[in-house]
Amino acid sequence: MSTQGKKGPGKFTTFLTNVGGWIADAFLLHIYVLFGTIKGGVILGLFPALTAGVKVLLSWILDPYAKHENFKVFHRSWQKNFKLANLVGYTVAVLYAFLGIDWYVNKMHIESVGLGYALIAVMVGVVFLTSYIFTIMSSFDVSYKETLKQSFFLSLATPMHTLAGLFGLFAVYHIIYAFPFIGVFFGFTLFLLPLAWFNHTGFNRVEQYKRDNL
């Protein structure tokens, strides 16, 4: 009886320590992404910082209990992917901007139902084109063209994971909207987590399918 009594609190203390460590890491990663964004003058820093943030999250997912050198991992990824992340990131931003403008013009002026459905179809295609970009850039040495191509094919191969990642983003948005202070301390980390998690599980599913069908 006494032995069990000693083990219980020890495990509980370890659990609390781990949870506290994860919360601290989540806050620090938010700060890293903010720092990386500012470091690049915001305009050139945002997408490399987001890519590096996903890199850190993937390292946690692969081994959540390991002692990671988070800042070194972040800094190396930020530097390595600086050019590619900006090229891909602003390509995606321009695509979404054009779609948003077209949607607004159609809704406010043209009011074409057919065009509205066409824009929705194109938007879905763009989502599938771009949902894996941060994971691919942070994990592999690939070109601009290969990043977009592989992101599109992976999204098509794992549609449920892609949709789950989007639902995760919407859920995080509503949580932060309801509790803004959470966004102040953990915003970047929370927004990147669904992407990193479902991209990772989707990629693993594709790899498992390849192994099973060799």
N, C-alpha and C. Protein backbone atom coordinates (compact mmCIF):
# COMPACT_ATOMS: atom_id res chain seq x y z
N MET A 1 0.82 -1.21 0.00
CA MET A 1 0.00 0.00 0.00
C MET A 1 0.85 1.26 0.00
N SER A 2 1.87 1.26 0.85
CA SER A 2 2.73 2.44 0.95
C SER A 2 3.50 2.67 -0.34
N THR A 3 3.88 1.56 -1.03
CA THR A 3 4.61 1.70 -2.29
C THR A 3 3.73 2.36 -3.35
N GLN A 4 2.47 1.94 -3.42
CA GLN A 4 1.55 2.54 -4.39
C GLN A 4 1.31 4.01 -4.09
N GLY A 5 1.26 4.33 -2.79
CA GLY A 5 1.06 5.72 -2.39
C GLY A 5 2.19 6.61 -2.83
N LYS A 6 3.39 6.06 -2.85
CA LYS A 6 4.55 6.86 -3.27
C LYS A 6 4.59 7.03 -4.78
N LYS A 7 4.15 5.97 -5.50
CA LYS A 7 4.23 6.05 -6.96
C LYS A 7 3.23 7.05 -7.52
N GLY A 8 2.01 7.08 -6.92
CA GLY A 8 0.96 7.95 -7.44
C GLY A 8 1.37 9.40 -7.51
N PRO A 9 1.77 10.02 -6.38
CA PRO A 9 2.17 11.42 -6.41
C PRO A 9 3.35 11.67 -7.34
N GLY A 10 4.27 10.68 -7.41
CA GLY A 10 5.42 10.86 -8.29
C GLY A 10 5.00 10.97 -9.73
N LYS A 11 4.08 10.13 -10.16
CA LYS A 11 3.60 10.18 -11.54
C LYS A 11 2.81 11.46 -11.78
N PHE A 12 2.01 11.85 -10.81
CA PHE A 12 1.22 13.07 -10.96
C PHE A 12 2.12 14.30 -11.05
N THR A 13 3.16 14.31 -10.23
CA THR A 13 4.11 15.42 -10.27
C THR A 13 4.81 15.48 -11.62
N THR A 14 5.18 14.30 -12.14
CA THR A 14 5.82 14.25 -13.46
C THR A 14 4.88 14.76 -14.53
N PHE A 15 3.61 14.37 -14.43
CA PHE A 15 2.60 14.83 -15.39
C PHE A 15 2.46 16.34 -15.36
N LEU A 16 2.36 16.91 -14.15
CA LEU A 16 2.24 18.36 -14.02
C LEU A 16 3.48 19.07 -14.57
N THR A 17 4.64 18.47 -14.31
CA THR A 17 5.89 19.06 -14.82
C THR A 17 5.90 19.06 -16.34
N ASN A 18 5.46 17.95 -16.94
CA ASN A 18 5.42 17.87 -18.39
C ASN A 18 4.43 18.87 -18.98
N VAL A 19 3.25 18.97 -18.37
CA VAL A 19 2.24 19.92 -18.86
C VAL A 19 2.76 21.35 -18.75
N GLY A 20 3.38 21.65 -17.61
CA GLY A 20 3.96 22.99 -17.43
C GLY A 20 5.04 23.27 -18.46
N GLY A 21 5.84 22.25 -18.77
CA GLY A 21 6.88 22.41 -19.79
C GLY A 21 6.29 22.66 -21.16
N TRP A 22 5.21 21.93 -21.50
CA TRP A 22 4.57 22.14 -22.80
C TRP A 22 3.96 23.53 -22.92
N ILE A 23 3.35 24.00 -21.84
CA ILE A 23 2.77 25.34 -21.86
C ILE A 23 3.86 26.39 -22.05
N ALA A 24 4.97 26.21 -21.33
CA ALA A 24 6.09 27.15 -21.46
C ALA A 24 6.66 27.11 -22.87
N ASP A 25 6.80 25.91 -23.44
CA ASP A 25 7.32 25.79 -24.81
C ASP A 25 6.37 26.43 -25.81
N ALA A 26 5.06 26.26 -25.60
CA ALA A 26 4.08 26.86 -26.50
C ALA A 26 4.18 28.39 -26.48
N PHE A 27 4.37 28.94 -25.30
CA PHE A 27 4.53 30.39 -25.17
C PHE A 27 5.82 30.85 -25.85
N LEU A 28 6.91 30.11 -25.61
CA LEU A 28 8.19 30.50 -26.21
C LEU A 28 8.15 30.41 -27.73
N LEU A 29 7.48 29.38 -28.26
CA LEU A 29 7.38 29.27 -29.72
C LEU A 29 6.60 30.45 -30.29
N HIS A 30 5.55 30.86 -29.61
CA HIS A 30 4.81 32.05 -30.02
C HIS A 30 5.74 33.27 -30.09
N ILE A 31 6.59 33.40 -29.09
CA ILE A 31 7.54 34.51 -29.06
C ILE A 31 8.57 34.38 -30.18
N TYR A 32 9.03 33.15 -30.43
CA TYR A 32 9.99 32.93 -31.52
C TYR A 32 9.41 33.36 -32.86
N VAL A 33 8.17 32.95 -33.13
CA VAL A 33 7.54 33.32 -34.41
C VAL A 33 7.36 34.83 -34.50
N LEU A 34 6.97 35.44 -33.40
CA LEU A 34 6.84 36.90 -33.37
C LEU A 34 8.19 37.56 -33.62
N PHE A 35 9.23 37.05 -32.95
CA PHE A 35 10.58 37.58 -33.12
C PHE A 35 11.06 37.39 -34.56
N GLY A 36 10.84 36.19 -35.13
CA GLY A 36 11.26 35.93 -36.50
C GLY A 36 10.55 36.81 -37.50
N THR A 37 9.29 37.11 -37.24
CA THR A 37 8.53 38.00 -38.11
C THR A 37 9.10 39.42 -38.07
N ILE A 38 9.37 39.91 -36.88
CA ILE A 38 9.93 41.25 -36.72
C ILE A 38 11.34 41.32 -37.29
N LYS A 39 12.10 40.24 -37.10
CA LYS A 39 13.48 40.18 -37.59
C LYS A 39 13.55 40.40 -39.10
N GLY A 40 12.55 39.91 -39.81
CA GLY A 40 12.51 40.08 -41.26
C GLY A 40 11.77 41.32 -41.69
N GLY A 41 11.56 42.24 -40.76
CA GLY A 41 10.84 43.46 -41.09
C GLY A 41 9.37 43.22 -41.36
N VAL A 42 8.82 42.19 -40.75
CA VAL A 42 7.42 41.78 -40.86
C VAL A 42 7.11 41.24 -42.26
N ILE A 43 7.27 42.06 -43.28
CA ILE A 43 6.91 41.66 -44.64
C ILE A 43 7.73 40.46 -45.10
N LEU A 44 9.03 40.48 -44.85
CA LEU A 44 9.90 39.38 -45.27
C LEU A 44 10.14 38.37 -44.15
N GLY A 45 9.61 38.63 -42.99
CA GLY A 45 9.86 37.73 -41.86
C GLY A 45 8.73 36.79 -41.54
N LEU A 46 7.50 37.12 -41.96
CA LEU A 46 6.33 36.35 -41.54
C LEU A 46 6.38 34.90 -42.01
N PHE A 47 6.53 34.69 -43.31
CA PHE A 47 6.46 33.32 -43.83
C PHE A 47 7.64 32.45 -43.42
N PRO A 48 8.88 32.97 -43.39
CA PRO A 48 9.96 32.16 -42.83
C PRO A 48 9.72 31.81 -41.36
N ALA A 49 9.14 32.74 -40.60
CA ALA A 49 8.86 32.47 -39.18
C ALA A 49 7.79 31.40 -39.03
N LEU A 50 6.75 31.45 -39.85
CA LEU A 50 5.70 30.42 -39.79
C LEU A 50 6.26 29.05 -40.17
N THR A 51 7.11 29.02 -41.19
CA THR A 51 7.74 27.76 -41.60
C THR A 51 8.60 27.20 -40.48
N ALA A 52 9.39 28.06 -39.86
CA ALA A 52 10.25 27.63 -38.76
C ALA A 52 9.42 27.18 -37.56
N GLY A 53 8.29 27.84 -37.32
CA GLY A 53 7.41 27.43 -36.24
C GLY A 53 6.87 26.03 -36.45
N VAL A 54 6.49 25.71 -37.69
CA VAL A 54 6.03 24.36 -38.01
C VAL A 54 7.15 23.35 -37.81
N LYS A 55 8.37 23.73 -38.17
CA LYS A 55 9.52 22.84 -37.97
C LYS A 55 9.67 22.47 -36.50
N VAL A 56 9.56 23.43 -35.62
CA VAL A 56 9.67 23.17 -34.18
C VAL A 56 8.53 22.27 -33.71
N LEU A 57 7.31 22.55 -34.16
CA LEU A 57 6.16 21.73 -33.76
C LEU A 57 6.32 20.29 -34.23
N LEU A 58 6.83 20.10 -35.44
CA LEU A 58 7.04 18.74 -35.94
C LEU A 58 8.06 17.99 -35.09
N SER A 59 9.08 18.70 -34.62
CA SER A 59 10.07 18.05 -33.74
C SER A 59 9.43 17.63 -32.43
N TRP A 60 8.48 18.41 -31.93
CA TRP A 60 7.75 18.03 -30.71
C TRP A 60 6.86 16.83 -30.97
N ILE A 61 6.17 16.83 -32.10
CA ILE A 61 5.26 15.73 -32.43
C ILE A 61 6.02 14.42 -32.57
N LEU A 62 7.19 14.48 -33.20
CA LEU A 62 7.99 13.27 -33.39
C LEU A 62 8.50 12.72 -32.07
N ASP A 63 8.81 13.60 -31.12
CA ASP A 63 9.30 13.15 -29.81
C ASP A 63 8.92 14.19 -28.76
N PRO A 64 7.69 14.11 -28.22
CA PRO A 64 7.19 15.15 -27.30
C PRO A 64 7.95 15.24 -25.98
N TYR A 65 8.68 14.19 -25.60
CA TYR A 65 9.36 14.21 -24.32
C TYR A 65 10.86 14.51 -24.45
N ALA A 66 11.33 14.68 -25.67
CA ALA A 66 12.75 14.97 -25.86
C ALA A 66 13.05 16.41 -25.48
N LYS A 67 14.29 16.65 -25.09
CA LYS A 67 14.73 18.02 -24.79
C LYS A 67 15.23 18.64 -26.09
N HIS A 68 14.38 19.43 -26.70
CA HIS A 68 14.71 20.03 -27.99
C HIS A 68 15.40 21.38 -27.79
N GLU A 69 16.33 21.66 -28.68
CA GLU A 69 16.94 22.99 -28.71
C GLU A 69 16.06 23.86 -29.61
N ASN A 70 14.95 24.30 -29.06
CA ASN A 70 13.90 24.92 -29.86
C ASN A 70 14.37 26.15 -30.63
N PHE A 71 15.12 27.02 -29.97
CA PHE A 71 15.52 28.24 -30.66
C PHE A 71 16.50 27.95 -31.79
N LYS A 72 17.41 26.99 -31.58
CA LYS A 72 18.36 26.63 -32.64
C LYS A 72 17.63 26.02 -33.82
N VAL A 73 16.67 25.14 -33.54
CA VAL A 73 15.87 24.54 -34.61
C VAL A 73 15.12 25.63 -35.37
N PHE A 74 14.53 26.55 -34.65
CA PHE A 74 13.77 27.64 -35.26
C PHE A 74 14.69 28.52 -36.10
N HIS A 75 15.82 28.92 -35.54
CA HIS A 75 16.73 29.84 -36.23
C HIS A 75 17.29 29.22 -37.50
N ARG A 76 17.68 27.94 -37.44
CA ARG A 76 18.23 27.27 -38.62
C ARG A 76 17.18 27.18 -39.73
N SER A 77 15.96 26.83 -39.36
CA SER A 77 14.90 26.73 -40.36
C SER A 77 14.56 28.10 -40.94
N TRP A 78 14.54 29.12 -40.10
CA TRP A 78 14.24 30.49 -40.57
C TRP A 78 15.25 30.92 -41.63
N GLN A 79 16.53 30.70 -41.34
CA GLN A 79 17.58 31.09 -42.29
C GLN A 79 17.54 30.25 -43.56
N LYS A 80 17.40 28.94 -43.38
CA LYS A 80 17.45 28.02 -44.52
C LYS A 80 16.31 28.27 -45.50
N ASN A 81 15.12 28.53 -45.00
CA ASN A 81 13.94 28.63 -45.85
C ASN A 81 13.50 30.07 -46.12
N PHE A 82 14.36 31.03 -45.82
CA PHE A 82 13.97 32.44 -45.92
C PHE A 82 13.46 32.79 -47.33
N LYS A 83 14.24 32.48 -48.35
CA LYS A 83 13.86 32.86 -49.71
C LYS A 83 12.66 32.06 -50.19
N LEU A 84 12.72 30.73 -50.03
CA LEU A 84 11.64 29.87 -50.51
C LEU A 84 10.32 30.19 -49.82
N ALA A 85 10.37 30.38 -48.50
CA ALA A 85 9.15 30.65 -47.74
C ALA A 85 8.48 31.94 -48.21
N ASN A 86 9.27 32.95 -48.53
CA ASN A 86 8.70 34.20 -49.02
C ASN A 86 8.12 34.05 -50.43
N LEU A 87 8.83 33.32 -51.30
CA LEU A 87 8.32 33.11 -52.65
C LEU A 87 7.00 32.34 -52.63
N VAL A 88 6.99 31.24 -51.90
CA VAL A 88 5.77 30.42 -51.83
C VAL A 88 4.68 31.16 -51.06
N GLY A 89 5.05 31.76 -49.94
CA GLY A 89 4.08 32.44 -49.09
C GLY A 89 3.36 33.56 -49.81
N TYR A 90 4.10 34.38 -50.54
CA TYR A 90 3.45 35.50 -51.21
C TYR A 90 2.72 35.08 -52.48
N THR A 91 3.13 33.97 -53.07
CA THR A 91 2.33 33.40 -54.16
C THR A 91 0.95 33.02 -53.64
N VAL A 92 0.95 32.33 -52.51
CA VAL A 92 -0.31 31.92 -51.88
C VAL A 92 -1.13 33.14 -51.46
N ALA A 93 -0.47 34.14 -50.88
CA ALA A 93 -1.17 35.34 -50.43
C ALA A 93 -1.84 36.06 -51.60
N VAL A 94 -1.13 36.15 -52.74
CA VAL A 94 -1.70 36.80 -53.92
C VAL A 94 -2.90 36.02 -54.45
N LEU A 95 -2.78 34.69 -54.47
CA LEU A 95 -3.90 33.86 -54.93
C LEU A 95 -5.14 34.09 -54.07
N TYR A 96 -4.96 34.06 -52.76
CA TYR A 96 -6.10 34.27 -51.86
C TYR A 96 -6.64 35.70 -51.98
N ALA A 97 -5.76 36.67 -52.18
CA ALA A 97 -6.20 38.06 -52.32
C ALA A 97 -7.06 38.23 -53.57
N PHE A 98 -6.61 37.67 -54.70
CA PHE A 98 -7.39 37.76 -55.94
C PHE A 98 -8.75 37.08 -55.79
N LEU A 99 -8.74 35.91 -55.15
CA LEU A 99 -10.01 35.21 -54.94
C LEU A 99 -10.95 36.00 -54.04
N GLY A 100 -10.38 36.61 -53.00
CA GLY A 100 -11.19 37.42 -52.10
C GLY A 100 -11.79 38.63 -52.80
N ILE A 101 -10.99 39.29 -53.64
CA ILE A 101 -11.48 40.45 -54.39
C ILE A 101 -12.57 40.03 -55.38
N ASP A 102 -12.31 38.92 -56.10
CA ASP A 102 -13.31 38.43 -57.06
C ASP A 102 -14.62 38.07 -56.36
N TRP A 103 -14.50 37.44 -55.19
CA TRP A 103 -15.70 37.07 -54.43
C TRP A 103 -16.48 38.31 -54.01
N TYR A 104 -15.75 39.33 -53.56
CA TYR A 104 -16.40 40.57 -53.12
C TYR A 104 -17.09 41.27 -54.29
N VAL A 105 -16.39 41.36 -55.43
CA VAL A 105 -16.97 42.03 -56.60
C VAL A 105 -18.21 41.29 -57.07
N ASN A 106 -18.13 39.97 -57.10
CA ASN A 106 -19.29 39.18 -57.54
C ASN A 106 -20.47 39.34 -56.58
N LYS A 107 -20.19 39.32 -55.29
CA LYS A 107 -21.26 39.42 -54.30
C LYS A 107 -21.91 40.80 -54.29
N MET A 108 -21.10 41.85 -54.44
CA MET A 108 -21.62 43.21 -54.30
C MET A 108 -22.13 43.80 -55.61
N HIS A 109 -21.59 43.35 -56.76
CA HIS A 109 -21.92 44.01 -58.02
C HIS A 109 -22.49 43.06 -59.08
N ILE A 110 -21.79 41.96 -59.34
CA ILE A 110 -22.22 41.07 -60.43
C ILE A 110 -23.38 40.18 -60.00
N GLU A 111 -23.28 39.62 -58.82
CA GLU A 111 -24.31 38.76 -58.24
C GLU A 111 -24.64 37.56 -59.13
N SER A 112 -23.59 36.93 -59.64
CA SER A 112 -23.76 35.75 -60.48
C SER A 112 -23.62 34.49 -59.64
N VAL A 113 -24.67 33.67 -59.62
CA VAL A 113 -24.63 32.42 -58.86
C VAL A 113 -23.59 31.47 -59.44
N GLY A 114 -23.56 31.37 -60.77
CA GLY A 114 -22.61 30.48 -61.43
C GLY A 114 -21.17 30.87 -61.13
N LEU A 115 -20.89 32.17 -61.20
CA LEU A 115 -19.54 32.64 -60.90
C LEU A 115 -19.19 32.39 -59.43
N GLY A 116 -20.18 32.54 -58.56
CA GLY A 116 -19.95 32.28 -57.14
C GLY A 116 -19.53 30.84 -56.90
N TYR A 117 -20.23 29.89 -57.54
CA TYR A 117 -19.87 28.48 -57.40
C TYR A 117 -18.49 28.21 -58.00
N ALA A 118 -18.19 28.86 -59.12
CA ALA A 118 -16.88 28.68 -59.75
C ALA A 118 -15.76 29.17 -58.84
N LEU A 119 -15.99 30.31 -58.18
CA LEU A 119 -14.99 30.84 -57.26
C LEU A 119 -14.80 29.93 -56.06
N ILE A 120 -15.88 29.34 -55.58
CA ILE A 120 -15.77 28.39 -54.46
C ILE A 120 -14.94 27.18 -54.89
N ALA A 121 -15.17 26.69 -56.11
CA ALA A 121 -14.41 25.54 -56.61
C ALA A 121 -12.92 25.88 -56.72
N VAL A 122 -12.63 27.08 -57.24
CA VAL A 122 -11.24 27.50 -57.35
C VAL A 122 -10.61 27.66 -55.97
N MET A 123 -11.37 28.21 -55.03
CA MET A 123 -10.87 28.40 -53.67
C MET A 123 -10.53 27.06 -53.01
N VAL A 124 -11.39 26.07 -53.22
CA VAL A 124 -11.11 24.73 -52.69
C VAL A 124 -9.82 24.19 -53.30
N GLY A 125 -9.65 24.40 -54.61
CA GLY A 125 -8.42 23.97 -55.27
C GLY A 125 -7.19 24.65 -54.70
N VAL A 126 -7.29 25.94 -54.41
CA VAL A 126 -6.16 26.67 -53.84
C VAL A 126 -5.86 26.18 -52.42
N VAL A 127 -6.90 25.88 -51.66
CA VAL A 127 -6.69 25.32 -50.32
C VAL A 127 -5.92 24.01 -50.41
N PHE A 128 -6.32 23.15 -51.35
CA PHE A 128 -5.62 21.88 -51.52
C PHE A 128 -4.20 22.10 -52.05
N LEU A 129 -4.01 23.14 -52.82
CA LEU A 129 -2.67 23.45 -53.34
C LEU A 129 -1.72 23.88 -52.25
N THR A 130 -2.25 24.50 -51.20
CA THR A 130 -1.39 25.19 -50.25
C THR A 130 -1.36 24.61 -48.83
N SER A 131 -2.18 23.62 -48.54
CA SER A 131 -2.33 23.21 -47.13
C SER A 131 -1.09 22.55 -46.54
N TYR A 132 -0.21 22.00 -47.38
CA TYR A 132 0.98 21.31 -46.87
C TYR A 132 2.27 22.13 -47.04
N ILE A 133 2.17 23.36 -47.49
CA ILE A 133 3.38 24.08 -47.89
C ILE A 133 4.37 24.27 -46.74
N PHE A 134 3.90 24.63 -45.55
CA PHE A 134 4.82 24.89 -44.45
C PHE A 134 5.52 23.62 -43.99
N THR A 135 4.79 22.51 -43.97
CA THR A 135 5.39 21.24 -43.57
C THR A 135 6.42 20.78 -44.58
N ILE A 136 6.12 20.93 -45.86
CA ILE A 136 7.06 20.51 -46.90
C ILE A 136 8.32 21.37 -46.87
N MET A 137 8.16 22.68 -46.77
CA MET A 137 9.33 23.56 -46.74
C MET A 137 10.20 23.31 -45.52
N SER A 138 9.58 23.02 -44.39
CA SER A 138 10.35 22.84 -43.16
C SER A 138 10.98 21.46 -43.06
N SER A 139 10.51 20.51 -43.86
CA SER A 139 10.96 19.12 -43.73
C SER A 139 11.87 18.65 -44.85
N PHE A 140 11.79 19.26 -46.02
CA PHE A 140 12.52 18.75 -47.18
C PHE A 140 13.24 19.88 -47.91
N ASP A 141 14.27 19.49 -48.66
CA ASP A 141 14.97 20.43 -49.54
C ASP A 141 14.32 20.34 -50.91
N VAL A 142 13.38 21.20 -51.17
CA VAL A 142 12.64 21.15 -52.43
C VAL A 142 12.61 22.54 -53.06
N SER A 143 12.29 22.56 -54.35
CA SER A 143 12.21 23.82 -55.08
C SER A 143 10.84 24.46 -54.89
N TYR A 144 10.73 25.66 -55.41
CA TYR A 144 9.45 26.39 -55.37
C TYR A 144 8.34 25.58 -56.04
N LYS A 145 8.63 25.09 -57.24
CA LYS A 145 7.63 24.33 -57.99
C LYS A 145 7.27 23.04 -57.28
N GLU A 146 8.28 22.33 -56.76
CA GLU A 146 8.03 21.06 -56.08
C GLU A 146 7.24 21.25 -54.79
N THR A 147 7.46 22.37 -54.12
CA THR A 147 6.71 22.64 -52.88
C THR A 147 5.21 22.69 -53.16
N LEU A 148 4.83 23.45 -54.17
CA LEU A 148 3.41 23.58 -54.51
C LEU A 148 2.85 22.27 -55.07
N LYS A 149 3.64 21.60 -55.91
CA LYS A 149 3.17 20.35 -56.50
C LYS A 149 2.96 19.27 -55.44
N GLN A 150 3.95 19.10 -54.57
CA GLN A 150 3.83 18.07 -53.53
C GLN A 150 2.72 18.40 -52.54
N SER A 151 2.54 19.68 -52.24
CA SER A 151 1.46 20.08 -51.34
C SER A 151 0.11 19.70 -51.94
N PHE A 152 -0.05 19.95 -53.22
CA PHE A 152 -1.31 19.64 -53.90
C PHE A 152 -1.58 18.14 -53.90
N PHE A 153 -0.57 17.34 -54.25
CA PHE A 153 -0.75 15.89 -54.32
C PHE A 153 -1.00 15.29 -52.94
N LEU A 154 -0.28 15.77 -51.93
CA LEU A 154 -0.50 15.27 -50.58
C LEU A 154 -1.90 15.60 -50.08
N SER A 155 -2.38 16.80 -50.40
CA SER A 155 -3.73 17.19 -50.00
C SER A 155 -4.79 16.31 -50.67
N LEU A 156 -4.58 16.03 -51.95
CA LEU A 156 -5.52 15.15 -52.66
C LEU A 156 -5.50 13.74 -52.10
N ALA A 157 -4.31 13.28 -51.70
CA ALA A 157 -4.17 11.92 -51.17
C ALA A 157 -4.74 11.79 -49.77
N THR A 158 -4.82 12.90 -49.04
CA THR A 158 -5.29 12.86 -47.64
C THR A 158 -6.35 13.95 -47.41
N PRO A 159 -7.48 13.89 -48.11
CA PRO A 159 -8.47 14.98 -48.01
C PRO A 159 -9.03 15.16 -46.61
N MET A 160 -9.22 14.06 -45.87
CA MET A 160 -9.77 14.19 -44.53
C MET A 160 -8.80 14.91 -43.59
N HIS A 161 -7.51 14.65 -43.75
CA HIS A 161 -6.52 15.34 -42.93
C HIS A 161 -6.47 16.83 -43.29
N THR A 162 -6.61 17.12 -44.59
CA THR A 162 -6.63 18.52 -45.02
C THR A 162 -7.83 19.25 -44.42
N LEU A 163 -9.00 18.63 -44.50
CA LEU A 163 -10.20 19.24 -43.93
C LEU A 163 -10.11 19.35 -42.41
N ALA A 164 -9.54 18.33 -41.77
CA ALA A 164 -9.38 18.38 -40.31
C ALA A 164 -8.48 19.54 -39.90
N GLY A 165 -7.42 19.77 -40.68
CA GLY A 165 -6.55 20.91 -40.39
C GLY A 165 -7.29 22.23 -40.50
N LEU A 166 -8.16 22.35 -41.52
CA LEU A 166 -8.95 23.57 -41.69
C LEU A 166 -9.93 23.77 -40.54
N PHE A 167 -10.60 22.69 -40.14
CA PHE A 167 -11.52 22.78 -39.00
C PHE A 167 -10.75 23.16 -37.73
N GLY A 168 -9.53 22.64 -37.62
CA GLY A 168 -8.70 23.01 -36.48
C GLY A 168 -8.39 24.50 -36.46
N LEU A 169 -8.10 25.06 -37.64
CA LEU A 169 -7.83 26.50 -37.73
C LEU A 169 -9.07 27.31 -37.35
N PHE A 170 -10.24 26.89 -37.82
CA PHE A 170 -11.48 27.59 -37.46
C PHE A 170 -11.73 27.51 -35.96
N ALA A 171 -11.46 26.33 -35.39
CA ALA A 171 -11.67 26.17 -33.95
C ALA A 171 -10.75 27.09 -33.16
N VAL A 172 -9.49 27.16 -33.57
CA VAL A 172 -8.53 28.04 -32.89
C VAL A 172 -8.97 29.49 -33.02
N TYR A 173 -9.43 29.87 -34.23
CA TYR A 173 -9.90 31.25 -34.43
C TYR A 173 -11.02 31.60 -33.46
N HIS A 174 -11.99 30.70 -33.30
CA HIS A 174 -13.12 30.98 -32.42
C HIS A 174 -12.70 30.99 -30.95
N ILE A 175 -11.75 30.15 -30.59
CA ILE A 175 -11.24 30.15 -29.21
C ILE A 175 -10.57 31.48 -28.90
N ILE A 176 -9.72 31.93 -29.82
CA ILE A 176 -9.00 33.18 -29.59
C ILE A 176 -9.95 34.38 -29.65
N TYR A 177 -10.97 34.28 -30.52
CA TYR A 177 -11.97 35.36 -30.59
C TYR A 177 -12.72 35.47 -29.26
N ALA A 178 -13.01 34.32 -28.66
CA ALA A 178 -13.74 34.31 -27.39
C ALA A 178 -12.84 34.69 -26.21
N PHE A 179 -11.57 34.30 -26.30
CA PHE A 179 -10.62 34.56 -25.21
C PHE A 179 -9.35 35.19 -25.78
N PRO A 180 -9.38 36.49 -26.08
CA PRO A 180 -8.26 37.15 -26.76
C PRO A 180 -6.92 37.02 -26.03
N PHE A 181 -6.94 36.92 -24.71
CA PHE A 181 -5.68 36.84 -23.98
C PHE A 181 -4.91 35.58 -24.35
N ILE A 182 -5.62 34.52 -24.77
CA ILE A 182 -4.94 33.30 -25.21
C ILE A 182 -4.12 33.59 -26.46
N GLY A 183 -4.68 34.38 -27.36
CA GLY A 183 -3.96 34.74 -28.57
C GLY A 183 -2.72 35.56 -28.30
N VAL A 184 -2.78 36.40 -27.28
CA VAL A 184 -1.63 37.24 -26.93
C VAL A 184 -0.43 36.39 -26.53
N PHE A 185 -0.68 35.28 -25.83
CA PHE A 185 0.41 34.46 -25.30
C PHE A 185 0.71 33.21 -26.13
N PHE A 186 -0.28 32.72 -26.88
CA PHE A 186 -0.09 31.44 -27.58
C PHE A 186 -0.60 31.45 -29.01
N GLY A 187 -0.94 32.62 -29.55
CA GLY A 187 -1.62 32.70 -30.84
C GLY A 187 -0.96 31.96 -31.98
N PHE A 188 0.30 32.27 -32.26
CA PHE A 188 0.98 31.64 -33.39
C PHE A 188 1.07 30.13 -33.20
N THR A 189 1.41 29.70 -32.00
CA THR A 189 1.54 28.27 -31.72
C THR A 189 0.23 27.54 -31.96
N LEU A 190 -0.87 28.12 -31.48
CA LEU A 190 -2.17 27.47 -31.62
C LEU A 190 -2.62 27.40 -33.07
N PHE A 191 -2.35 28.43 -33.85
CA PHE A 191 -2.74 28.41 -35.25
C PHE A 191 -1.91 27.42 -36.06
N LEU A 192 -0.64 27.26 -35.72
CA LEU A 192 0.22 26.36 -36.48
C LEU A 192 0.04 24.90 -36.08
N LEU A 193 -0.43 24.66 -34.85
CA LEU A 193 -0.52 23.29 -34.35
C LEU A 193 -1.44 22.39 -35.19
N PRO A 194 -2.66 22.80 -35.55
CA PRO A 194 -3.50 21.91 -36.38
C PRO A 194 -2.85 21.58 -37.72
N LEU A 195 -2.20 22.57 -38.34
CA LEU A 195 -1.52 22.32 -39.61
C LEU A 195 -0.41 21.30 -39.43
N ALA A 196 0.45 21.51 -38.43
CA ALA A 196 1.58 20.61 -38.21
C ALA A 196 1.09 19.20 -37.89
N TRP A 197 0.10 19.10 -37.00
CA TRP A 197 -0.37 17.79 -36.56
C TRP A 197 -1.03 17.00 -37.68
N PHE A 198 -1.98 17.61 -38.39
CA PHE A 198 -2.70 16.87 -39.42
C PHE A 198 -1.85 16.69 -40.68
N ASN A 199 -0.93 17.61 -40.97
CA ASN A 199 0.03 17.38 -42.05
C ASN A 199 0.91 16.18 -41.74
N HIS A 200 1.38 16.11 -40.50
CA HIS A 200 2.25 15.00 -40.09
C HIS A 200 1.51 13.66 -40.19
N THR A 201 0.30 13.59 -39.65
CA THR A 201 -0.45 12.33 -39.70
C THR A 201 -0.85 11.97 -41.13
N GLY A 202 -1.16 12.98 -41.94
CA GLY A 202 -1.49 12.73 -43.34
C GLY A 202 -0.30 12.20 -44.11
N PHE A 203 0.86 12.81 -43.89
CA PHE A 203 2.07 12.36 -44.56
C PHE A 203 2.41 10.93 -44.15
N ASN A 204 2.27 10.62 -42.87
CA ASN A 204 2.53 9.25 -42.40
C ASN A 204 1.59 8.24 -43.05
N ARG A 205 0.35 8.65 -43.25
CA ARG A 205 -0.61 7.75 -43.90
C ARG A 205 -0.19 7.45 -45.33
N VAL A 206 0.26 8.47 -46.04
CA VAL A 206 0.73 8.27 -47.42
C VAL A 206 1.93 7.34 -47.44
N GLU A 207 2.88 7.57 -46.52
CA GLU A 207 4.07 6.72 -46.45
C GLU A 207 3.71 5.28 -46.12
N GLN A 208 2.75 5.09 -45.21
CA GLN A 208 2.32 3.73 -44.85
C GLN A 208 1.66 3.05 -46.04
N TYR A 209 0.87 3.79 -46.79
CA TYR A 209 0.22 3.24 -47.98
C TYR A 209 1.26 2.79 -49.00
N LYS A 210 2.31 3.60 -49.18
CA LYS A 210 3.37 3.24 -50.12
C LYS A 210 4.07 1.96 -49.68
N ARG A 211 4.36 1.86 -48.38
CA ARG A 211 5.05 0.66 -47.88
C ARG A 211 4.17 -0.59 -48.03
N ASP A 212 2.88 -0.44 -47.77
CA ASP A 212 1.98 -1.59 -47.85
C ASP A 212 1.74 -2.05 -49.28
N ASN A 213 1.99 -1.18 -50.25
CA ASN A 213 1.69 -1.52 -51.63
C ASN A 213 2.94 -1.69 -52.50
N LEU A 214 4.09 -1.79 -51.86
CA LEU A 214 5.31 -2.05 -52.61
C LEU A 214 5.35 -3.51 -53.06
